[in-house]
Amino acid sequence: PPATVQLTVKERQVLEWVAIGKSAWEISRIQGCSEATVHFHTSNIRRKFGVTSLKAALVMAIRQGVILVE
């Protein structure tokens, strides 16, 4: 099986907010950062999973147990 992707704390937090449908703007307000910072994290997340969409990264993260969704 492929190695589990290692996300930073902030990347994991952003992906958890994405999992419940929050937009980059909403996440920026929740996290107290700029929308550009959220986009920076989502870009890194996509790169780490080797995919071009955030939805694909989210599916992979859930399948690998990187994040838990209730």
Foldseek 3Di string as FASTA:
>chain_A
DDDQQDADPVLQVLLLCVVVPDDLCRVCVVVVHDSVVSVVSLVVLCVSVVHDDSVVSSVVCCVSVVDDDD
